[in-house]
Amino acid sequence: MPDKPHIAQKSVQELIDKELDEGRGIHDIVYRFRNCVIVRALERCQNNQVHAAELIKTHRNTVSKWVRFHGLQGGL
């Protein structure tokens, strides 16, 4: 079991390195990561925004605003 966190940590480190290599700053990296988390939660919850919000422990309005802002009203 101890290998799983190391694998995930290595993957995250690789993604961060890639973002830094591409010249992105912390705000861009956090924004992009947050977007990935929301998209993944929506995928796992079959685009149910309430369930996705519960999964990532945020308010449903946060997910709803993000979906509207990125033009995903019709689904992913």
PDB file of N, CA and C in Angstrom:
ATOM      1  N   MET A   1       0.789  -1.210   0.000  1.00  0.00           N
ATOM      2  CA  MET A   1       0.000   0.000   0.000  1.00  0.00           C
ATOM      3  C   MET A   1       0.832   1.277   0.000  1.00  0.00           C
ATOM      4  N   PRO A   2       1.996   1.338   0.620  1.00  0.00           N
ATOM      5  CA  PRO A   2       2.723   2.599   0.664  1.00  0.00           C
ATOM      6  C   PRO A   2       3.112   3.125  -0.708  1.00  0.00           C
ATOM      7  N   ASP A   3       3.110   2.301  -1.736  1.00  0.00           N
ATOM      8  CA  ASP A   3       3.522   2.752  -3.063  1.00  0.00           C
ATOM      9  C   ASP A   3       2.538   3.735  -3.676  1.00  0.00           C
ATOM     10  N   LYS A   4       1.262   3.585  -3.417  1.00  0.00           N
ATOM     11  CA  LYS A   4       0.261   4.442  -4.060  1.00  0.00           C
ATOM     12  C   LYS A   4       0.491   5.926  -3.811  1.00  0.00           C
ATOM     13  N   PRO A   5       0.700   6.368  -2.580  1.00  0.00           N
ATOM     14  CA  PRO A   5       0.952   7.810  -2.408  1.00  0.00           C
ATOM     15  C   PRO A   5       2.186   8.280  -3.157  1.00  0.00           C
ATOM     16  N   HIS A   6       3.217   7.448  -3.212  1.00  0.00           N
ATOM     17  CA  HIS A   6       4.431   7.842  -3.924  1.00  0.00           C
ATOM     18  C   HIS A   6       4.172   7.981  -5.419  1.00  0.00           C
ATOM     19  N   ILE A   7       3.373   7.068  -5.962  1.00  0.00           N
ATOM     20  CA  ILE A   7       3.038   7.144  -7.388  1.00  0.00           C
ATOM     21  C   ILE A   7       2.247   8.418  -7.658  1.00  0.00           C
ATOM     22  N   ALA A   8       1.242   8.683  -6.844  1.00  0.00           N
ATOM     23  CA  ALA A   8       0.434   9.894  -7.026  1.00  0.00           C
ATOM     24  C   ALA A   8       1.288  11.135  -6.834  1.00  0.00           C
ATOM     25  N   GLN A   9       2.132  11.118  -5.818  1.00  0.00           N
ATOM     26  CA  GLN A   9       2.985  12.275  -5.558  1.00  0.00           C
ATOM     27  C   GLN A   9       3.918  12.516  -6.730  1.00  0.00           C
ATOM     28  N   LYS A  10       4.477  11.441  -7.281  1.00  0.00           N
ATOM     29  CA  LYS A  10       5.385  11.600  -8.414  1.00  0.00           C
ATOM     30  C   LYS A  10       4.630  12.177  -9.612  1.00  0.00           C
ATOM     31  N   SER A  11       3.429  11.710  -9.846  1.00  0.00           N
ATOM     32  CA  SER A  11       2.640  12.227 -10.961  1.00  0.00           C
ATOM     33  C   SER A  11       2.359  13.712 -10.793  1.00  0.00           C
ATOM     34  N   VAL A  12       2.013  14.114  -9.597  1.00  0.00           N
ATOM     35  CA  VAL A  12       1.734  15.521  -9.329  1.00  0.00           C
ATOM     36  C   VAL A  12       3.008  16.337  -9.516  1.00  0.00           C
ATOM     37  N   GLN A  13       4.119  15.822  -9.025  1.00  0.00           N
ATOM     38  CA  GLN A  13       5.383  16.531  -9.181  1.00  0.00           C
ATOM     39  C   GLN A  13       5.733  16.695 -10.656  1.00  0.00           C
ATOM     40  N   GLU A  14       5.494  15.670 -11.441  1.00  0.00           N
ATOM     41  CA  GLU A  14       5.775  15.755 -12.879  1.00  0.00           C
ATOM     42  C   GLU A  14       4.889  16.803 -13.547  1.00  0.00           C
ATOM     43  N   LEU A  15       3.626  16.842 -13.161  1.00  0.00           N
ATOM     44  CA  LEU A  15       2.716  17.835 -13.732  1.00  0.00           C
ATOM     45  C   LEU A  15       3.133  19.251 -13.336  1.00  0.00           C
ATOM     46  N   ILE A  16       3.525  19.423 -12.081  1.00  0.00           N
ATOM     47  CA  ILE A  16       3.980  20.743 -11.634  1.00  0.00           C
ATOM     48  C   ILE A  16       5.228  21.155 -12.396  1.00  0.00           C
ATOM     49  N   ASP A  17       6.180  20.226 -12.538  1.00  0.00           N
ATOM     50  CA  ASP A  17       7.400  20.528 -13.291  1.00  0.00           C
ATOM     51  C   ASP A  17       7.074  20.961 -14.711  1.00  0.00           C
ATOM     52  N   LYS A  18       6.127  20.255 -15.342  1.00  0.00           N
ATOM     53  CA  LYS A  18       5.732  20.597 -16.709  1.00  0.00           C
ATOM     54  C   LYS A  18       5.155  22.012 -16.761  1.00  0.00           C
ATOM     55  N   GLU A  19       4.284  22.331 -15.802  1.00  0.00           N
ATOM     56  CA  GLU A  19       3.686  23.662 -15.755  1.00  0.00           C
ATOM     57  C   GLU A  19       4.759  24.734 -15.560  1.00  0.00           C
ATOM     58  N   LEU A  20       5.698  24.474 -14.656  1.00  0.00           N
ATOM     59  CA  LEU A  20       6.776  25.434 -14.412  1.00  0.00           C
ATOM     60  C   LEU A  20       7.664  25.586 -15.635  1.00  0.00           C
ATOM     61  N   ASP A  21       7.957  24.472 -16.295  1.00  0.00           N
ATOM     62  CA  ASP A  21       8.772  24.514 -17.512  1.00  0.00           C
ATOM     63  C   ASP A  21       8.100  25.339 -18.604  1.00  0.00           C
ATOM     64  N   GLU A  22       6.769  25.358 -18.596  1.00  0.00           N
ATOM     65  CA  GLU A  22       6.021  26.123 -19.596  1.00  0.00           C
ATOM     66  C   GLU A  22       5.845  27.579 -19.177  1.00  0.00           C
ATOM     67  N   GLY A  23       6.450  27.951 -18.047  1.00  0.00           N
ATOM     68  CA  GLY A  23       6.453  29.349 -17.628  1.00  0.00           C
ATOM     69  C   GLY A  23       5.225  29.804 -16.860  1.00  0.00           C
ATOM     70  N   ARG A  24       4.434  28.865 -16.376  1.00  0.00           N
ATOM     71  CA  ARG A  24       3.235  29.246 -15.639  1.00  0.00           C
ATOM     72  C   ARG A  24       3.584  29.560 -14.191  1.00  0.00           C
ATOM     73  N   GLY A  25       2.880  30.521 -13.615  1.00  0.00           N
ATOM     74  CA  GLY A  25       3.053  30.890 -12.217  1.00  0.00           C
ATOM     75  C   GLY A  25       2.076  30.133 -11.337  1.00  0.00           C
ATOM     76  N   ILE A  26       2.190  30.361 -10.047  1.00  0.00           N
ATOM     77  CA  ILE A  26       1.376  29.622  -9.081  1.00  0.00           C
ATOM     78  C   ILE A  26      -0.116  29.818  -9.301  1.00  0.00           C
ATOM     79  N   HIS A  27      -0.543  31.037  -9.624  1.00  0.00           N
ATOM     80  CA  HIS A  27      -1.977  31.281  -9.804  1.00  0.00           C
ATOM     81  C   HIS A  27      -2.522  30.500 -10.995  1.00  0.00           C
ATOM     82  N   ASP A  28      -1.767  30.461 -12.078  1.00  0.00           N
ATOM     83  CA  ASP A  28      -2.194  29.680 -13.248  1.00  0.00           C
ATOM     84  C   ASP A  28      -2.225  28.194 -12.937  1.00  0.00           C
ATOM     85  N   ILE A  29      -1.218  27.725 -12.223  1.00  0.00           N
ATOM     86  CA  ILE A  29      -1.143  26.296 -11.898  1.00  0.00           C
ATOM     87  C   ILE A  29      -2.310  25.888 -11.005  1.00  0.00           C
ATOM     88  N   VAL A  30      -2.585  26.679  -9.975  1.00  0.00           N
ATOM     89  CA  VAL A  30      -3.695  26.372  -9.059  1.00  0.00           C
ATOM     90  C   VAL A  30      -5.022  26.444  -9.807  1.00  0.00           C
ATOM     91  N   TYR A  31      -5.192  27.440 -10.662  1.00  0.00           N
ATOM     92  CA  TYR A  31      -6.422  27.585 -11.451  1.00  0.00           C
ATOM     93  C   TYR A  31      -6.634  26.353 -12.338  1.00  0.00           C
ATOM     94  N   ARG A  32      -5.580  25.949 -13.023  1.00  0.00           N
ATOM     95  CA  ARG A  32      -5.678  24.784 -13.910  1.00  0.00           C
ATOM     96  C   ARG A  32      -5.947  23.509 -13.128  1.00  0.00           C
ATOM     97  N   PHE A  33      -5.310  23.368 -11.974  1.00  0.00           N
ATOM     98  CA  PHE A  33      -5.519  22.183 -11.152  1.00  0.00           C
ATOM     99  C   PHE A  33      -6.958  22.138 -10.651  1.00  0.00           C
ATOM    100  N   ARG A  34      -7.452  23.293 -10.179  1.00  0.00           N
ATOM    101  CA  ARG A  34      -8.835  23.350  -9.703  1.00  0.00           C
ATOM    102  C   ARG A  34      -9.795  22.960 -10.821  1.00  0.00           C
ATOM    103  N   ASN A  35      -9.544  23.451 -12.012  1.00  0.00           N
ATOM    104  CA  ASN A  35     -10.399  23.107 -13.145  1.00  0.00           C
ATOM    105  C   ASN A  35     -10.386  21.609 -13.413  1.00  0.00           C
ATOM    106  N   CYS A  36      -9.220  21.002 -13.352  1.00  0.00           N
ATOM    107  CA  CYS A  36      -9.107  19.554 -13.568  1.00  0.00           C
ATOM    108  C   CYS A  36      -9.883  18.777 -12.512  1.00  0.00           C
ATOM    109  N   VAL A  37      -9.815  19.230 -11.270  1.00  0.00           N
ATOM    110  CA  VAL A  37     -10.531  18.561 -10.184  1.00  0.00           C
ATOM    111  C   VAL A  37     -12.043  18.655 -10.420  1.00  0.00           C
ATOM    112  N   ILE A  38     -12.523  19.823 -10.803  1.00  0.00           N
ATOM    113  CA  ILE A  38     -13.961  19.994 -11.029  1.00  0.00           C
ATOM    114  C   ILE A  38     -14.428  19.158 -12.210  1.00  0.00           C
ATOM    115  N   VAL A  39     -13.675  19.160 -13.294  1.00  0.00           N
ATOM    116  CA  VAL A  39     -14.052  18.349 -14.463  1.00  0.00           C
ATOM    117  C   VAL A  39     -14.087  16.869 -14.092  1.00  0.00           C
ATOM    118  N   ARG A  40     -13.082  16.421 -13.369  1.00  0.00           N
ATOM    119  CA  ARG A  40     -13.035  15.001 -12.981  1.00  0.00           C
ATOM    120  C   ARG A  40     -14.204  14.648 -12.067  1.00  0.00           C
ATOM    121  N   ALA A  41     -14.531  15.535 -11.135  1.00  0.00           N
ATOM    122  CA  ALA A  41     -15.664  15.281 -10.248  1.00  0.00           C
ATOM    123  C   ALA A  41     -16.961  15.196 -11.048  1.00  0.00           C
ATOM    124  N   LEU A  42     -17.136  16.089 -12.005  1.00  0.00           N
ATOM    125  CA  LEU A  42     -18.331  16.048 -12.849  1.00  0.00           C
ATOM    126  C   LEU A  42     -18.387  14.750 -13.657  1.00  0.00           C
ATOM    127  N   GLU A  43     -17.255  14.322 -14.177  1.00  0.00           N
ATOM    128  CA  GLU A  43     -17.216  13.058 -14.923  1.00  0.00           C
ATOM    129  C   GLU A  43     -17.629  11.892 -14.030  1.00  0.00           C
ATOM    130  N   ARG A  44     -17.073  11.857 -12.835  1.00  0.00           N
ATOM    131  CA  ARG A  44     -17.365  10.759 -11.912  1.00  0.00           C
ATOM    132  C   ARG A  44     -18.817  10.768 -11.453  1.00  0.00           C
ATOM    133  N   CYS A  45     -19.442  11.935 -11.468  1.00  0.00           N
ATOM    134  CA  CYS A  45     -20.830  12.078 -10.995  1.00  0.00           C
ATOM    135  C   CYS A  45     -21.814  12.221 -12.153  1.00  0.00           C
ATOM    136  N   GLN A  46     -21.418  11.793 -13.343  1.00  0.00           N
ATOM    137  CA  GLN A  46     -22.276  11.871 -14.527  1.00  0.00           C
ATOM    138  C   GLN A  46     -22.871  13.265 -14.706  1.00  0.00           C
ATOM    139  N   ASN A  47     -22.028  14.285 -14.524  1.00  0.00           N
ATOM    140  CA  ASN A  47     -22.379  15.697 -14.699  1.00  0.00           C
ATOM    141  C   ASN A  47     -23.411  16.219 -13.703  1.00  0.00           C
ATOM    142  N   ASN A  48     -23.640  15.488 -12.621  1.00  0.00           N
ATOM    143  CA  ASN A  48     -24.539  15.975 -11.582  1.00  0.00           C
ATOM    144  C   ASN A  48     -23.745  16.954 -10.716  1.00  0.00           C
ATOM    145  N   GLN A  49     -24.086  18.236 -10.839  1.00  0.00           N
ATOM    146  CA  GLN A  49     -23.318  19.278 -10.165  1.00  0.00           C
ATOM    147  C   GLN A  49     -23.418  19.197  -8.647  1.00  0.00           C
ATOM    148  N   VAL A  50     -24.571  18.823  -8.135  1.00  0.00           N
ATOM    149  CA  VAL A  50     -24.736  18.711  -6.683  1.00  0.00           C
ATOM    150  C   VAL A  50     -23.844  17.604  -6.144  1.00  0.00           C
ATOM    151  N   HIS A  51     -23.864  16.448  -6.797  1.00  0.00           N
ATOM    152  CA  HIS A  51     -23.031  15.331  -6.349  1.00  0.00           C
ATOM    153  C   HIS A  51     -21.537  15.642  -6.513  1.00  0.00           C
ATOM    154  N   ALA A  52     -21.191  16.316  -7.609  1.00  0.00           N
ATOM    155  CA  ALA A  52     -19.792  16.698  -7.826  1.00  0.00           C
ATOM    156  C   ALA A  52     -19.329  17.645  -6.728  1.00  0.00           C
ATOM    157  N   ALA A  53     -20.161  18.595  -6.361  1.00  0.00           N
ATOM    158  CA  ALA A  53     -19.820  19.536  -5.289  1.00  0.00           C
ATOM    159  C   ALA A  53     -19.627  18.794  -3.966  1.00  0.00           C
ATOM    160  N   GLU A  54     -20.499  17.846  -3.692  1.00  0.00           N
ATOM    161  CA  GLU A  54     -20.359  17.052  -2.468  1.00  0.00           C
ATOM    162  C   GLU A  54     -19.058  16.248  -2.488  1.00  0.00           C
ATOM    163  N   LEU A  55     -18.733  15.694  -3.642  1.00  0.00           N
ATOM    164  CA  LEU A  55     -17.517  14.889  -3.769  1.00  0.00           C
ATOM    165  C   LEU A  55     -16.268  15.701  -3.463  1.00  0.00           C
ATOM    166  N   ILE A  56     -16.222  16.926  -3.956  1.00  0.00           N
ATOM    167  CA  ILE A  56     -15.017  17.743  -3.752  1.00  0.00           C
ATOM    168  C   ILE A  56     -15.168  18.712  -2.577  1.00  0.00           C
ATOM    169  N   LYS A  57     -16.258  18.521  -1.828  1.00  0.00           N
ATOM    170  CA  LYS A  57     -16.489  19.280  -0.595  1.00  0.00           C
ATOM    171  C   LYS A  57     -16.470  20.792  -0.816  1.00  0.00           C
ATOM    172  N   THR A  58     -17.284  21.197  -1.765  1.00  0.00           N
ATOM    173  CA  THR A  58     -17.476  22.623  -2.015  1.00  0.00           C
ATOM    174  C   THR A  58     -18.966  22.862  -2.195  1.00  0.00           C
ATOM    175  N   HIS A  59     -19.348  24.104  -2.288  1.00  0.00           N
ATOM    176  CA  HIS A  59     -20.757  24.437  -2.465  1.00  0.00           C
ATOM    177  C   HIS A  59     -21.158  24.195  -3.915  1.00  0.00           C
ATOM    178  N   ARG A  60     -22.380  23.785  -4.107  1.00  0.00           N
ATOM    179  CA  ARG A  60     -22.855  23.505  -5.468  1.00  0.00           C
ATOM    180  C   ARG A  60     -22.787  24.744  -6.354  1.00  0.00           C
ATOM    181  N   ASN A  61     -22.940  25.934  -5.752  1.00  0.00           N
ATOM    182  CA  ASN A  61     -22.857  27.166  -6.543  1.00  0.00           C
ATOM    183  C   ASN A  61     -21.463  27.361  -7.139  1.00  0.00           C
ATOM    184  N   THR A  62     -20.437  26.897  -6.443  1.00  0.00           N
ATOM    185  CA  THR A  62     -19.072  26.992  -6.965  1.00  0.00           C
ATOM    186  C   THR A  62     -18.949  26.184  -8.250  1.00  0.00           C
ATOM    187  N   VAL A  63     -19.458  24.971  -8.235  1.00  0.00           N
ATOM    188  CA  VAL A  63     -19.410  24.114  -9.423  1.00  0.00           C
ATOM    189  C   VAL A  63     -20.290  24.705 -10.519  1.00  0.00           C
ATOM    190  N   SER A  64     -21.466  25.162 -10.152  1.00  0.00           N
ATOM    191  CA  SER A  64     -22.389  25.731 -11.127  1.00  0.00           C
ATOM    192  C   SER A  64     -21.792  26.955 -11.817  1.00  0.00           C
ATOM    193  N   LYS A  65     -21.169  27.851 -11.045  1.00  0.00           N
ATOM    194  CA  LYS A  65     -20.530  29.037 -11.632  1.00  0.00           C
ATOM    195  C   LYS A  65     -19.405  28.633 -12.579  1.00  0.00           C
ATOM    196  N   TRP A  66     -18.629  27.656 -12.172  1.00  0.00           N
ATOM    197  CA  TRP A  66     -17.510  27.210 -13.003  1.00  0.00           C
ATOM    198  C   TRP A  66     -18.029  26.650 -14.324  1.00  0.00           C
ATOM    199  N   VAL A  67     -19.089  25.849 -14.246  1.00  0.00           N
ATOM    200  CA  VAL A  67     -19.677  25.249 -15.445  1.00  0.00           C
ATOM    201  C   VAL A  67     -20.190  26.345 -16.384  1.00  0.00           C
ATOM    202  N   ARG A  68     -20.896  27.336 -15.836  1.00  0.00           N
ATOM    203  CA  ARG A  68     -21.397  28.435 -16.652  1.00  0.00           C
ATOM    204  C   ARG A  68     -20.254  29.251 -17.245  1.00  0.00           C
ATOM    205  N   PHE A  69     -19.250  29.562 -16.424  1.00  0.00           N
ATOM    206  CA  PHE A  69     -18.126  30.378 -16.869  1.00  0.00           C
ATOM    207  C   PHE A  69     -17.388  29.729 -18.038  1.00  0.00           C
ATOM    208  N   HIS A  70     -17.286  28.410 -18.009  1.00  0.00           N
ATOM    209  CA  HIS A  70     -16.559  27.698 -19.051  1.00  0.00           C
ATOM    210  C   HIS A  70     -17.475  27.148 -20.151  1.00  0.00           C
ATOM    211  N   GLY A  71     -18.735  27.547 -20.122  1.00  0.00           N
ATOM    212  CA  GLY A  71     -19.650  27.170 -21.195  1.00  0.00           C
ATOM    213  C   GLY A  71     -19.965  25.696 -21.258  1.00  0.00           C
ATOM    214  N   LEU A  72     -20.104  25.063 -20.112  1.00  0.00           N
ATOM    215  CA  LEU A  72     -20.364  23.627 -20.086  1.00  0.00           C
ATOM    216  C   LEU A  72     -21.798  23.314 -19.674  1.00  0.00           C
ATOM    217  N   GLN A  73     -22.730  24.247 -19.876  1.00  0.00           N
ATOM    218  CA  GLN A  73     -24.093  24.020 -19.443  1.00  0.00           C
ATOM    219  C   GLN A  73     -24.681  22.733 -20.000  1.00  0.00           C
ATOM    220  N   GLY A  74     -24.336  22.394 -21.224  1.00  0.00           N
ATOM    221  CA  GLY A  74     -24.888  21.192 -21.845  1.00  0.00           C
ATOM    222  C   GLY A  74     -24.200  19.918 -21.435  1.00  0.00           C
ATOM    223  N   GLY A  75     -23.227  19.998 -20.562  1.00  0.00           N
ATOM    224  CA  GLY A  75     -22.509  18.817 -20.129  1.00  0.00           C
ATOM    225  C   GLY A  75     -21.113  18.790 -20.690  1.00  0.00           C
ATOM    226  N   LEU A  76     -20.353  17.822 -20.258  1.00  0.00           N
ATOM    227  CA  LEU A  76     -18.952  17.703 -20.675  1.00  0.00           C
ATOM    228  C   LEU A  76     -18.830  16.914 -21.947  1.00  0.00           C
TER     229      LEU A  76
END
